[in-house]
């Protein structure tokens, strides 16, 4: 599985956003967080969901049972 890299940034209006990137995939952005702590909490939740046992997520073809 390709690791997601998260980067918190401050937007021009003072709110926060998160850039999500994975090697070989489109860069995505989540925006509108009131505080950096909110952005970090969202990252923790996204990481938990990404690592959850989801039968529909992409798996490494060499190891399809890996979680």
N, C-alpha and C. Protein backbone atom coordinates (compact mmCIF):
# COMPACT_ATOMS: atom_id res chain seq x y z
N UNK A 1 0.84 -1.17 0.00
CA UNK A 1 0.00 0.00 0.00
C UNK A 1 0.89 1.24 0.00
N UNK A 2 0.50 2.22 -0.78
CA UNK A 2 1.25 3.46 -0.88
C UNK A 2 0.92 4.34 0.33
N UNK A 3 1.95 4.86 0.96
CA UNK A 3 1.76 5.69 2.15
C UNK A 3 1.26 7.08 1.75
N UNK A 4 0.30 7.59 2.51
CA UNK A 4 -0.19 8.95 2.32
C UNK A 4 0.65 9.89 3.16
N UNK A 5 1.09 10.99 2.55
CA UNK A 5 1.85 12.02 3.26
C UNK A 5 0.92 13.20 3.46
N UNK A 6 0.84 13.70 4.69
CA UNK A 6 -0.04 14.81 5.05
C UNK A 6 0.81 16.03 5.39
N UNK A 7 0.35 17.20 4.94
CA UNK A 7 1.04 18.44 5.27
C UNK A 7 0.01 19.50 5.60
N UNK A 8 0.06 20.05 6.81
CA UNK A 8 -0.86 21.10 7.25
C UNK A 8 -0.31 22.44 6.78
N UNK A 9 -1.19 23.32 6.30
CA UNK A 9 -0.77 24.65 5.87
C UNK A 9 -1.81 25.68 6.28
N UNK A 10 -1.38 26.95 6.35
CA UNK A 10 -2.28 28.06 6.68
C UNK A 10 -2.72 28.71 5.37
N UNK A 11 -4.02 28.92 5.23
CA UNK A 11 -4.57 29.56 4.04
C UNK A 11 -4.56 31.08 4.22
N UNK A 12 -4.79 31.80 3.14
CA UNK A 12 -4.76 33.26 3.19
C UNK A 12 -5.78 33.85 4.16
N UNK A 13 -6.91 33.18 4.36
CA UNK A 13 -7.93 33.70 5.26
C UNK A 13 -7.68 33.32 6.72
N UNK A 14 -6.56 32.65 7.00
CA UNK A 14 -6.21 32.28 8.37
C UNK A 14 -6.69 30.91 8.78
N UNK A 15 -7.51 30.27 7.95
CA UNK A 15 -7.93 28.90 8.26
C UNK A 15 -6.81 27.95 7.83
N UNK A 16 -7.01 26.68 8.12
CA UNK A 16 -5.97 25.69 7.84
C UNK A 16 -6.46 24.68 6.81
N UNK A 17 -5.51 24.10 6.14
CA UNK A 17 -5.80 23.05 5.17
C UNK A 17 -4.80 21.93 5.31
N UNK A 18 -5.09 20.82 4.64
CA UNK A 18 -4.20 19.66 4.65
C UNK A 18 -4.01 19.20 3.22
N UNK A 19 -2.76 19.04 2.82
CA UNK A 19 -2.44 18.47 1.51
C UNK A 19 -2.16 16.99 1.73
N UNK A 20 -2.82 16.14 0.92
CA UNK A 20 -2.63 14.69 0.97
C UNK A 20 -1.96 14.28 -0.32
N UNK A 21 -0.84 13.60 -0.23
CA UNK A 21 -0.17 13.15 -1.45
C UNK A 21 0.26 11.71 -1.31
N UNK A 22 0.20 11.02 -2.43
CA UNK A 22 0.66 9.63 -2.53
C UNK A 22 1.44 9.51 -3.83
N UNK A 23 2.52 8.77 -3.78
CA UNK A 23 3.35 8.57 -4.95
C UNK A 23 2.51 8.02 -6.11
N UNK A 24 2.54 8.70 -7.24
CA UNK A 24 1.84 8.24 -8.42
C UNK A 24 0.36 8.57 -8.47
N UNK A 25 -0.14 9.35 -7.51
CA UNK A 25 -1.56 9.70 -7.49
C UNK A 25 -1.73 11.21 -7.47
N UNK A 26 -2.94 11.65 -7.75
CA UNK A 26 -3.27 13.07 -7.74
C UNK A 26 -3.18 13.61 -6.32
N UNK A 27 -2.62 14.79 -6.16
CA UNK A 27 -2.55 15.45 -4.86
C UNK A 27 -3.93 15.98 -4.52
N UNK A 28 -4.36 15.73 -3.29
CA UNK A 28 -5.68 16.19 -2.83
C UNK A 28 -5.50 17.19 -1.70
N UNK A 29 -6.51 18.02 -1.50
CA UNK A 29 -6.47 19.03 -0.44
C UNK A 29 -7.78 19.03 0.32
N UNK A 30 -7.69 19.08 1.64
CA UNK A 30 -8.85 19.25 2.52
C UNK A 30 -8.68 20.63 3.17
N UNK A 31 -9.70 21.47 3.10
CA UNK A 31 -9.56 22.83 3.60
C UNK A 31 -10.70 23.19 4.55
N UNK A 32 -10.55 24.36 5.19
CA UNK A 32 -11.62 24.91 6.00
C UNK A 32 -11.54 24.57 7.48
N UNK A 33 -10.37 24.18 7.97
CA UNK A 33 -10.22 23.88 9.38
C UNK A 33 -9.96 25.18 10.14
N UNK A 34 -10.65 25.37 11.26
CA UNK A 34 -10.54 26.61 12.03
C UNK A 34 -9.19 26.74 12.74
N UNK A 35 -8.60 25.63 13.12
CA UNK A 35 -7.34 25.65 13.87
C UNK A 35 -6.45 24.51 13.39
N UNK A 36 -5.15 24.65 13.65
CA UNK A 36 -4.21 23.59 13.29
C UNK A 36 -4.57 22.29 13.99
N UNK A 37 -5.04 22.39 15.23
CA UNK A 37 -5.42 21.18 15.98
C UNK A 37 -6.55 20.44 15.28
N UNK A 38 -7.49 21.17 14.67
CA UNK A 38 -8.59 20.55 13.93
C UNK A 38 -8.05 19.80 12.71
N UNK A 39 -7.09 20.41 12.03
CA UNK A 39 -6.49 19.76 10.86
C UNK A 39 -5.76 18.48 11.27
N UNK A 40 -5.03 18.54 12.37
CA UNK A 40 -4.30 17.36 12.84
C UNK A 40 -5.27 16.25 13.30
N UNK A 41 -6.36 16.64 13.93
CA UNK A 41 -7.37 15.65 14.34
C UNK A 41 -7.97 14.98 13.11
N UNK A 42 -8.20 15.74 12.06
CA UNK A 42 -8.74 15.19 10.82
C UNK A 42 -7.74 14.20 10.21
N UNK A 43 -6.45 14.54 10.26
CA UNK A 43 -5.42 13.64 9.74
C UNK A 43 -5.44 12.32 10.51
N UNK A 44 -5.56 12.39 11.83
CA UNK A 44 -5.61 11.17 12.63
C UNK A 44 -6.81 10.31 12.24
N UNK A 45 -7.95 10.95 12.05
CA UNK A 45 -9.15 10.20 11.65
C UNK A 45 -8.98 9.59 10.26
N UNK A 46 -8.43 10.36 9.33
CA UNK A 46 -8.24 9.85 7.97
C UNK A 46 -7.26 8.68 7.97
N UNK A 47 -6.24 8.76 8.79
CA UNK A 47 -5.26 7.68 8.89
C UNK A 47 -5.92 6.41 9.43
N UNK A 48 -6.75 6.57 10.46
CA UNK A 48 -7.46 5.40 11.02
C UNK A 48 -8.36 4.77 9.96
N UNK A 49 -9.09 5.61 9.22
CA UNK A 49 -9.99 5.08 8.21
C UNK A 49 -9.23 4.42 7.07
N UNK A 50 -8.11 5.00 6.70
CA UNK A 50 -7.29 4.44 5.62
C UNK A 50 -6.75 3.07 6.01
N UNK A 51 -6.45 2.90 7.29
CA UNK A 51 -5.88 1.65 7.77
C UNK A 51 -6.93 0.65 8.24
N UNK A 52 -8.20 1.05 8.21
CA UNK A 52 -9.27 0.15 8.64
C UNK A 52 -9.42 -1.00 7.64
N UNK A 53 -10.02 -2.08 8.11
CA UNK A 53 -10.23 -3.23 7.24
C UNK A 53 -11.37 -2.90 6.29
N UNK A 54 -11.03 -2.42 5.13
CA UNK A 54 -11.99 -2.00 4.11
C UNK A 54 -11.82 -2.90 2.89
N UNK A 55 -12.79 -3.74 2.59
CA UNK A 55 -12.63 -4.68 1.47
C UNK A 55 -12.60 -3.99 0.10
N UNK A 56 -12.94 -2.71 0.04
CA UNK A 56 -12.99 -2.02 -1.24
C UNK A 56 -11.75 -1.18 -1.53
N UNK A 57 -10.86 -1.04 -0.55
CA UNK A 57 -9.67 -0.22 -0.81
C UNK A 57 -8.69 -0.98 -1.68
N UNK A 58 -7.83 -0.22 -2.34
CA UNK A 58 -6.83 -0.83 -3.20
C UNK A 58 -5.82 -1.57 -2.34
N UNK A 59 -5.42 -2.73 -2.82
CA UNK A 59 -4.42 -3.53 -2.10
C UNK A 59 -3.25 -3.80 -3.04
N UNK A 60 -2.13 -4.08 -2.46
CA UNK A 60 -0.94 -4.43 -3.22
C UNK A 60 -1.20 -5.76 -3.92
N UNK A 61 -1.13 -5.82 -5.26
CA UNK A 61 -1.39 -7.07 -5.97
C UNK A 61 -0.48 -8.21 -5.53
N UNK A 62 0.72 -7.89 -5.05
CA UNK A 62 1.65 -8.93 -4.62
C UNK A 62 1.26 -9.50 -3.26
N UNK A 63 0.44 -8.77 -2.50
CA UNK A 63 0.04 -9.22 -1.17
C UNK A 63 -1.39 -8.78 -0.91
N UNK A 64 -2.38 -9.37 -1.56
CA UNK A 64 -3.76 -8.90 -1.50
C UNK A 64 -4.41 -9.04 -0.12
N UNK A 65 -3.85 -9.85 0.77
CA UNK A 65 -4.43 -10.01 2.10
C UNK A 65 -3.86 -9.02 3.12
N UNK A 66 -2.86 -8.25 2.74
CA UNK A 66 -2.22 -7.30 3.68
C UNK A 66 -3.21 -6.23 4.08
N UNK A 67 -3.12 -5.80 5.31
CA UNK A 67 -4.00 -4.76 5.82
C UNK A 67 -3.24 -3.52 6.05
